[in-house]
Amino acid sequence: MPAIVGVVQVVSVGSSGVFHIGDVYKISPASTTKTFAGAGSFNTGRNLSLYNNQSATNTYDGDGVDQPVAFNV
């Protein structure tokens, strides 16, 4: 069904976001990211006590592509 749209102001669209007005068959956003986290990261809860005396996170990544997004839509 056709849509009648008035004035639209787009301030920003995120890297994996989609801005859509009107009819559509398929919307398939795709993005990748890599996260490095050391010891004690991503902990949630109350009254956490973490003791990481000598913690180091290896962020070296020798390969160029880990998981391609091409042909994935």
Protein backbone atom coordinates (compact mmCIF):
# COMPACT_ATOMS: atom_id res chain seq x y z
CA MET A 1 0.00 0.00 0.00
CA PRO A 2 1.54 3.34 -0.96
CA ALA A 3 2.47 5.70 1.83
CA ILE A 4 2.04 9.46 1.87
CA VAL A 5 4.86 10.98 3.89
CA GLY A 6 5.19 14.58 4.93
CA VAL A 7 8.37 16.32 6.04
CA VAL A 8 11.09 14.01 7.40
CA GLN A 9 14.23 15.13 9.18
CA VAL A 10 16.95 12.54 9.73
CA VAL A 11 19.54 13.63 12.25
CA SER A 12 21.68 10.50 12.14
CA VAL A 13 21.56 6.81 11.30
CA GLY A 14 23.87 4.39 13.10
CA SER A 15 26.37 2.15 11.36
CA SER A 16 24.01 -0.84 11.41
CA GLY A 17 20.79 1.16 11.27
CA VAL A 18 18.19 1.36 8.53
CA PHE A 19 16.14 4.39 7.45
CA HIS A 20 13.09 3.32 5.51
CA ILE A 21 10.06 5.10 4.07
CA GLY A 22 7.60 3.37 1.76
CA ASP A 23 7.17 -0.15 0.46
CA VAL A 24 9.96 -2.66 0.87
CA TYR A 25 10.51 -6.33 0.19
CA LYS A 26 13.54 -7.03 2.34
CA ILE A 27 15.71 -4.98 4.71
CA SER A 28 18.88 -6.68 5.84
CA PRO A 29 21.44 -4.50 7.62
CA ALA A 30 24.81 -6.10 8.29
CA SER A 31 27.82 -5.01 10.29
CA THR A 32 30.71 -6.54 12.17
CA THR A 33 32.77 -5.48 15.14
CA LYS A 34 35.65 -6.81 17.18
CA THR A 35 35.88 -6.40 20.93
CA PHE A 36 38.98 -6.90 23.02
CA ALA A 37 38.45 -7.35 26.75
CA GLY A 38 40.89 -8.24 29.47
CA ALA A 39 40.47 -10.02 32.76
CA GLY A 40 37.57 -8.73 34.80
CA SER A 41 35.72 -7.22 31.84
CA PHE A 42 31.98 -7.50 31.23
CA ASN A 43 31.25 -8.30 34.87
CA THR A 44 27.83 -7.30 36.13
CA GLY A 45 26.34 -7.56 39.58
CA ARG A 46 26.47 -6.06 43.02
CA ASN A 47 29.50 -5.80 45.27
CA LEU A 48 32.06 -7.15 42.81
CA SER A 49 35.63 -7.52 44.01
CA LEU A 50 38.16 -8.13 41.25
CA TYR A 51 41.85 -8.75 41.74
CA ASN A 52 43.85 -8.78 38.50
CA ASN A 53 47.44 -8.34 39.50
CA GLN A 54 49.19 -8.53 36.14
CA SER A 55 46.62 -8.70 33.40
CA ALA A 56 47.40 -8.03 29.74
CA THR A 57 45.14 -8.35 26.72
CA ASN A 58 46.72 -9.42 23.42
CA THR A 59 45.11 -7.31 20.68
CA TYR A 60 47.35 -8.51 17.84
CA ASP A 61 45.33 -9.92 14.96
CA GLY A 62 47.44 -11.17 12.10
CA ASP A 63 44.70 -12.04 9.63
CA GLY A 64 43.03 -9.34 7.61
CA VAL A 65 39.44 -10.54 7.67
CA ASP A 66 37.80 -12.51 10.46
CA GLN A 67 34.19 -12.86 9.34
CA PRO A 68 33.26 -11.13 6.07
CA VAL A 69 29.81 -9.65 5.61
CA ALA A 70 29.91 -9.89 1.82
CA PHE A 71 27.25 -12.11 0.24
CA ASN A 72 25.63 -12.41 3.66
CA VAL A 73 22.43 -10.53 2.86
